[in-house]
N, C-alpha and C. Protein backbone atom coordinates (compact mmCIF):
# COMPACT_ATOMS: atom_id res chain seq x y z
N GLN A 1 0.82 -1.17 -0.05
CA GLN A 1 -0.12 0.10 0.00
C GLN A 1 0.88 1.35 -0.04
N VAL A 2 0.36 2.16 -0.69
CA VAL A 2 1.05 3.51 -0.69
C VAL A 2 0.17 4.54 -0.27
N GLN A 3 0.66 5.56 0.36
CA GLN A 3 -0.24 6.85 1.04
C GLN A 3 0.53 7.89 0.34
N LEU A 4 -0.13 8.81 -0.26
CA LEU A 4 0.35 10.07 -0.93
C LEU A 4 -0.51 11.13 -0.19
N VAL A 5 0.56 12.04 0.20
CA VAL A 5 -0.10 13.17 1.05
C VAL A 5 0.31 14.32 0.30
N GLU A 6 -0.56 15.21 0.06
CA GLU A 6 -0.35 16.66 -0.85
C GLU A 6 -0.42 17.65 0.27
N SER A 7 0.24 18.73 0.15
CA SER A 7 0.08 20.00 0.96
C SER A 7 0.49 20.94 0.20
N GLY A 8 0.46 22.18 0.60
CA GLY A 8 0.95 23.56 -0.24
C GLY A 8 -0.15 24.15 -1.10
N GLY A 9 -1.37 23.86 -1.10
CA GLY A 9 -2.21 24.57 -1.81
C GLY A 9 -2.56 25.83 -1.17
N GLY A 10 -3.44 26.58 -1.92
CA GLY A 10 -3.97 27.89 -1.08
C GLY A 10 -4.44 28.78 -2.04
N LEU A 11 -4.57 29.91 -1.65
CA LEU A 11 -5.06 31.28 -2.42
C LEU A 11 -3.97 32.06 -2.89
N VAL A 12 -4.01 32.16 -4.29
CA VAL A 12 -2.80 33.06 -4.70
C VAL A 12 -3.34 34.02 -5.57
N GLN A 13 -2.83 35.19 -6.03
CA GLN A 13 -3.21 36.28 -7.00
C GLN A 13 -2.65 35.52 -8.21
N ALA A 14 -3.50 36.18 -9.40
CA ALA A 14 -3.07 35.83 -10.73
C ALA A 14 -1.52 36.25 -11.15
N GLY A 15 -0.63 35.51 -11.46
CA GLY A 15 0.64 35.83 -11.85
C GLY A 15 1.74 35.48 -10.63
N GLY A 16 1.03 34.80 -9.51
CA GLY A 16 1.71 34.29 -8.59
C GLY A 16 2.19 32.80 -8.49
N SER A 17 2.97 32.39 -7.63
CA SER A 17 3.51 31.09 -7.68
C SER A 17 3.13 30.15 -6.47
N LEU A 18 3.09 28.75 -6.54
CA LEU A 18 3.17 27.88 -5.55
C LEU A 18 3.79 26.70 -5.82
N ARG A 19 4.18 25.92 -4.79
CA ARG A 19 5.03 24.47 -4.96
C ARG A 19 4.74 23.76 -4.04
N PRO A 20 3.34 22.96 -4.39
CA PRO A 20 2.85 21.78 -3.43
C PRO A 20 3.76 20.73 -3.55
N PRO A 21 4.08 20.21 -2.45
CA PRO A 21 4.69 18.74 -2.26
C PRO A 21 3.77 17.64 -2.36
N CYS A 22 4.34 16.26 -2.65
CA CYS A 22 3.41 15.42 -2.70
C CYS A 22 4.39 14.17 -1.87
N ALA A 23 4.28 13.74 -0.80
CA ALA A 23 5.04 12.75 -0.13
C ALA A 23 4.50 11.38 -0.36
N ALA A 24 5.30 10.49 -0.73
CA ALA A 24 4.88 8.95 -0.80
C ALA A 24 5.46 8.10 0.55
N LEU A 25 4.41 7.49 1.03
CA LEU A 25 4.60 6.73 2.24
C LEU A 25 4.24 5.35 2.12
N GLY A 26 5.14 4.47 2.58
CA GLY A 26 4.80 2.94 2.24
C GLY A 26 5.57 2.32 1.06
N ARG A 27 4.70 1.45 0.28
CA ARG A 27 5.51 0.77 -0.95
C ARG A 27 6.01 1.85 -1.81
N THR A 28 7.25 2.26 -1.87
CA THR A 28 7.84 3.17 -2.85
C THR A 28 8.75 2.64 -3.58
N PHE A 29 9.36 1.42 -3.52
CA PHE A 29 10.59 1.00 -3.97
C PHE A 29 10.49 0.74 -5.42
N SER A 30 9.05 0.47 -5.94
CA SER A 30 9.09 0.14 -7.32
C SER A 30 8.11 0.91 -8.24
N THR A 31 8.15 2.29 -7.61
CA THR A 31 7.41 3.17 -8.39
C THR A 31 7.81 3.48 -9.97
N PHE A 32 7.11 3.42 -10.84
CA PHE A 32 7.24 3.61 -12.41
C PHE A 32 7.07 5.15 -12.57
N ALA A 33 6.18 5.77 -11.89
CA ALA A 33 6.01 7.04 -12.24
C ALA A 33 5.09 7.79 -11.35
N MET A 34 5.17 9.12 -11.27
CA MET A 34 4.29 9.96 -10.46
C MET A 34 3.81 11.04 -11.20
N GLY A 35 2.42 11.50 -10.89
CA GLY A 35 2.00 12.36 -11.89
C GLY A 35 1.17 13.31 -10.74
N TRP A 36 0.88 14.35 -11.67
CA TRP A 36 -0.11 15.49 -10.93
C TRP A 36 -1.36 15.50 -11.85
N PHE A 37 -2.54 15.57 -11.36
CA PHE A 37 -3.76 15.91 -11.99
C PHE A 37 -4.60 17.02 -11.30
N ARG A 38 -5.37 17.42 -12.05
CA ARG A 38 -6.47 18.66 -11.32
C ARG A 38 -7.56 18.42 -11.89
N GLN A 39 -8.75 18.78 -10.89
CA GLN A 39 -10.10 18.75 -11.27
C GLN A 39 -10.91 20.14 -10.75
N ALA A 40 -11.32 20.71 -11.88
CA ALA A 40 -12.03 22.17 -11.50
C ALA A 40 -13.51 21.72 -11.27
N SER A 41 -14.13 22.57 -10.66
CA SER A 41 -15.41 22.27 -10.20
C SER A 41 -16.49 22.09 -11.59
N GLY A 42 -16.92 21.19 -11.71
CA GLY A 42 -17.93 20.66 -12.72
C GLY A 42 -17.12 20.10 -13.86
N LYS A 43 -15.80 19.76 -13.74
CA LYS A 43 -15.07 19.36 -15.07
C LYS A 43 -14.44 17.95 -14.58
N GLU A 44 -14.05 17.35 -15.64
CA GLU A 44 -13.24 15.96 -15.56
C GLU A 44 -11.97 16.32 -14.76
N ARG A 45 -11.25 15.21 -14.30
CA ARG A 45 -9.98 15.41 -13.60
C ARG A 45 -9.11 15.31 -15.11
N GLU A 46 -8.15 16.01 -14.92
CA GLU A 46 -7.24 16.14 -16.26
C GLU A 46 -5.64 16.19 -15.81
N PHE A 47 -4.99 15.69 -16.68
CA PHE A 47 -3.44 15.33 -16.54
C PHE A 47 -2.76 16.81 -16.54
N ILE A 48 -1.84 16.93 -15.66
CA ILE A 48 -1.07 18.00 -15.82
C ILE A 48 0.29 17.69 -15.88
N ALA A 49 0.95 16.81 -15.22
CA ALA A 49 2.43 16.56 -15.21
C ALA A 49 2.67 15.14 -14.77
N ALA A 50 3.85 14.68 -15.23
CA ALA A 50 4.24 13.36 -14.79
C ALA A 50 5.90 13.41 -14.92
N ILE A 51 6.25 12.38 -13.95
CA ILE A 51 7.66 12.28 -13.95
C ILE A 51 8.01 10.76 -13.68
N THR A 52 8.99 10.30 -14.52
CA THR A 52 9.22 8.69 -14.35
C THR A 52 10.30 8.79 -13.14
N TRP A 53 10.00 7.87 -12.17
CA TRP A 53 10.92 7.95 -10.95
C TRP A 53 12.24 7.52 -11.11
N SER A 54 12.65 6.63 -12.12
CA SER A 54 14.01 6.21 -12.16
C SER A 54 14.86 7.15 -13.02
N PHE A 55 14.29 7.46 -14.10
CA PHE A 55 15.16 8.34 -14.85
C PHE A 55 14.79 9.88 -15.06
N GLY A 56 13.66 10.10 -14.38
CA GLY A 56 13.32 11.70 -14.22
C GLY A 56 12.72 12.20 -15.47
N ARG A 57 12.28 11.48 -16.56
CA ARG A 57 11.61 11.98 -17.70
C ARG A 57 10.32 12.62 -17.26
N THR A 58 10.05 13.81 -17.88
CA THR A 58 8.85 14.81 -17.69
C THR A 58 7.89 14.80 -18.73
N TYR A 59 6.69 14.77 -18.49
CA TYR A 59 5.63 14.88 -19.46
C TYR A 59 4.75 16.33 -18.76
N TYR A 60 4.12 17.00 -19.53
CA TYR A 60 3.43 18.10 -19.22
C TYR A 60 2.16 18.20 -20.24
N ALA A 61 1.00 18.77 -19.60
CA ALA A 61 -0.07 19.03 -20.54
C ALA A 61 0.28 20.46 -21.28
N ASP A 62 -0.33 20.62 -22.33
CA ASP A 62 0.19 21.82 -23.01
C ASP A 62 -0.57 23.08 -22.47
N SER A 63 -1.40 23.02 -21.56
CA SER A 63 -1.96 24.20 -20.82
C SER A 63 -0.97 24.67 -19.82
N VAL A 64 0.00 23.95 -19.37
CA VAL A 64 0.83 24.12 -18.39
C VAL A 64 2.28 24.30 -18.81
N LYS A 65 2.56 23.83 -19.86
CA LYS A 65 3.90 23.59 -20.34
C LYS A 65 4.41 25.08 -20.52
N GLY A 66 5.68 25.32 -19.72
CA GLY A 66 6.53 26.42 -19.59
C GLY A 66 6.23 27.25 -18.41
N ARG A 67 5.05 26.66 -17.72
CA ARG A 67 4.92 27.59 -16.43
C ARG A 67 4.90 26.72 -15.20
N PHE A 68 4.60 25.35 -15.55
CA PHE A 68 4.84 24.33 -14.29
C PHE A 68 5.85 23.61 -14.52
N THR A 69 6.46 23.15 -13.39
CA THR A 69 7.77 22.19 -13.42
C THR A 69 7.73 21.27 -12.33
N ILE A 70 7.59 19.82 -12.87
CA ILE A 70 7.59 18.64 -11.94
C ILE A 70 8.88 18.12 -11.67
N SER A 71 9.31 18.10 -10.52
CA SER A 71 10.34 17.40 -9.95
C SER A 71 10.29 16.41 -8.70
N ARG A 72 11.41 15.56 -8.52
CA ARG A 72 11.22 14.64 -7.44
C ARG A 72 12.49 14.75 -6.72
N ASP A 73 12.43 14.29 -5.34
CA ASP A 73 13.58 14.23 -4.60
C ASP A 73 13.39 12.60 -4.28
N ASN A 74 14.35 11.77 -4.81
CA ASN A 74 14.35 10.46 -4.66
C ASN A 74 14.56 9.94 -2.98
N ALA A 75 15.63 10.82 -2.46
CA ALA A 75 15.90 10.21 -1.14
C ALA A 75 14.57 10.47 -0.23
N LYS A 76 13.82 11.57 -0.42
CA LYS A 76 12.69 11.88 0.54
C LYS A 76 11.51 11.30 -0.04
N TYR A 77 11.36 10.51 -1.29
CA TYR A 77 10.44 10.11 -2.01
C TYR A 77 9.17 11.28 -1.93
N THR A 78 9.53 12.30 -2.38
CA THR A 78 8.79 13.52 -2.29
C THR A 78 8.70 13.98 -3.93
N MET A 79 7.56 14.42 -4.43
CA MET A 79 7.46 15.01 -5.73
C MET A 79 6.98 16.43 -5.49
N TYR A 80 7.30 17.32 -6.39
CA TYR A 80 6.84 18.76 -6.39
C TYR A 80 6.27 19.21 -7.74
N LEU A 81 5.53 20.19 -7.56
CA LEU A 81 4.92 20.88 -8.64
C LEU A 81 5.22 22.38 -8.57
N GLN A 82 6.10 22.74 -9.14
CA GLN A 82 6.37 24.28 -9.15
C GLN A 82 5.60 24.87 -10.20
N MET A 83 4.59 25.85 -9.69
CA MET A 83 3.64 26.34 -10.54
C MET A 83 3.93 28.01 -10.49
N ASN A 84 4.25 28.29 -11.61
CA ASN A 84 4.63 29.82 -11.88
C ASN A 84 3.39 30.66 -12.85
N GLU A 85 3.38 31.72 -12.71
CA GLU A 85 2.55 32.61 -13.66
C GLU A 85 0.95 32.00 -13.64
N LEU A 86 0.53 31.73 -12.32
CA LEU A 86 -0.79 31.18 -12.14
C LEU A 86 -2.01 31.87 -12.71
N LYS A 87 -2.95 31.30 -13.36
CA LYS A 87 -3.85 32.11 -14.04
C LYS A 87 -5.12 31.69 -13.14
N PRO A 88 -6.20 32.37 -13.23
CA PRO A 88 -7.55 32.03 -12.73
C PRO A 88 -7.97 30.62 -12.99
N GLU A 89 -7.79 30.43 -14.41
CA GLU A 89 -8.10 29.04 -14.98
C GLU A 89 -7.59 27.77 -14.39
N ASP A 90 -6.48 28.15 -13.64
CA ASP A 90 -5.60 26.94 -12.93
C ASP A 90 -6.17 26.71 -11.57
N THR A 91 -7.32 27.43 -11.28
CA THR A 91 -8.03 26.91 -9.79
C THR A 91 -8.68 25.63 -10.15
N ALA A 92 -8.21 24.84 -9.10
CA ALA A 92 -8.68 23.47 -9.24
C ALA A 92 -8.47 22.75 -7.99
N VAL A 93 -8.67 21.42 -7.70
CA VAL A 93 -8.21 20.74 -6.56
C VAL A 93 -7.07 19.86 -7.26
N TYR A 94 -5.90 19.84 -6.79
CA TYR A 94 -4.71 19.11 -7.48
C TYR A 94 -4.53 17.88 -6.86
N TYR A 95 -4.40 16.87 -7.39
CA TYR A 95 -4.08 15.42 -6.83
C TYR A 95 -2.75 14.85 -7.28
N CYS A 96 -2.15 14.20 -6.41
CA CYS A 96 -0.66 13.47 -6.96
C CYS A 96 -1.23 12.00 -7.15
N ALA A 97 -0.40 11.43 -7.80
CA ALA A 97 -0.76 9.94 -7.91
C ALA A 97 0.56 9.20 -8.33
N ALA A 98 0.53 8.13 -7.89
CA ALA A 98 1.66 6.98 -8.15
C ALA A 98 1.19 5.82 -8.97
N GLY A 99 2.00 5.40 -9.91
CA GLY A 99 1.75 4.13 -10.72
C GLY A 99 2.88 3.29 -10.77
N TYR A 100 2.61 1.94 -11.17
CA TYR A 100 3.60 0.96 -10.83
C TYR A 100 3.90 0.16 -12.08
N ARG A 101 2.98 0.33 -13.05
CA ARG A 101 3.06 -0.42 -14.43
C ARG A 101 4.14 0.37 -15.33
N SER A 102 5.01 -0.20 -16.01
CA SER A 102 6.01 0.37 -16.95
C SER A 102 5.16 0.49 -18.24
N SER A 103 4.67 1.67 -18.55
CA SER A 103 3.89 1.99 -19.60
C SER A 103 4.04 3.70 -20.12
N ILE A 104 5.05 3.86 -20.82
CA ILE A 104 5.32 5.25 -21.11
C ILE A 104 4.04 5.84 -21.87
N ALA A 105 3.43 5.00 -22.77
CA ALA A 105 2.32 5.44 -23.49
C ALA A 105 1.08 5.77 -22.57
N ALA A 106 1.15 5.42 -21.48
CA ALA A 106 0.02 5.52 -20.49
C ALA A 106 0.28 6.53 -19.45
N VAL A 107 1.45 7.17 -19.62
CA VAL A 107 1.99 7.95 -18.41
C VAL A 107 1.09 9.31 -18.19
N THR A 108 0.51 9.76 -19.11
CA THR A 108 -0.37 10.73 -19.15
C THR A 108 -1.98 10.66 -18.88
N THR A 109 -2.18 9.36 -18.71
CA THR A 109 -3.58 8.93 -18.56
C THR A 109 -3.80 8.55 -17.08
N ARG A 110 -5.00 8.62 -16.63
CA ARG A 110 -5.44 8.19 -15.18
C ARG A 110 -5.47 6.89 -15.02
N GLU A 111 -5.36 6.09 -16.00
CA GLU A 111 -5.33 4.51 -16.09
C GLU A 111 -3.97 3.95 -15.52
N LEU A 112 -2.88 4.75 -15.62
CA LEU A 112 -1.65 4.31 -15.22
C LEU A 112 -1.56 4.17 -13.78
N TYR A 113 -2.04 4.98 -13.10
CA TYR A 113 -1.94 5.26 -11.75
C TYR A 113 -3.01 4.60 -10.74
N ASP A 114 -2.23 3.92 -9.76
CA ASP A 114 -2.91 2.94 -8.89
C ASP A 114 -3.18 3.73 -7.45
N TYR A 115 -2.61 4.81 -7.17
CA TYR A 115 -2.71 5.40 -5.84
C TYR A 115 -2.83 6.81 -5.98
N TRP A 116 -3.68 7.40 -5.21
CA TRP A 116 -4.04 8.86 -5.39
C TRP A 116 -4.04 9.50 -3.87
N GLY A 117 -3.67 10.94 -3.91
CA GLY A 117 -3.78 11.76 -2.59
C GLY A 117 -5.19 11.89 -2.48
N GLN A 118 -5.24 12.81 -1.42
CA GLN A 118 -6.63 13.42 -1.16
C GLN A 118 -6.83 14.55 -1.74
N GLY A 119 -5.93 15.36 -2.20
CA GLY A 119 -5.93 16.64 -3.18
C GLY A 119 -5.76 17.78 -2.38
N THR A 120 -5.20 18.76 -3.09
CA THR A 120 -4.91 19.97 -2.44
C THR A 120 -5.58 21.21 -3.37
N ALA A 121 -6.04 22.02 -2.51
CA ALA A 121 -6.99 23.09 -3.40
C ALA A 121 -6.22 24.29 -3.68
N VAL A 122 -6.28 24.67 -4.95
CA VAL A 122 -5.62 25.76 -5.42
C VAL A 122 -6.35 26.91 -5.94
N THR A 123 -6.72 28.03 -5.31
CA THR A 123 -7.67 29.07 -6.09
C THR A 123 -6.72 30.37 -6.37
N VAL A 124 -6.82 30.68 -7.74
CA VAL A 124 -6.13 31.78 -8.08
C VAL A 124 -7.18 32.95 -8.63
N SER A 125 -6.78 33.93 -7.83
CA SER A 125 -7.68 35.14 -7.84
C SER A 125 -7.31 36.26 -9.06
N PHE A 126 -8.16 36.83 -9.50
CA PHE A 126 -7.89 37.85 -10.46
C PHE A 126 -7.11 39.31 -9.86
């Protein structure tokens, strides 16, 4: 079992930054990839970014490319999402996820991920 714990959300003005961490507890030794998804009110949960744990290869949704950066600290088993130039449309609950099946083709999809955190809310005001 793996427990994922997000934190670091909050209220920020447009143009500001946040860097929520996601800490993984439990079975972490065979993680293939970890990712961030978000869900705005009334919308489907969407892929934001992912990173493969061994090689650190990163993937981004077009909507955040150039503004968000995903990273990991292998020693702490913690993943981060540096969010810069935040926009009101970035307002959502952000979820981190961990997947164990080796599938680069699926790394941007919800199907790869076996464990999910409880979410951290991010609100970007005008």
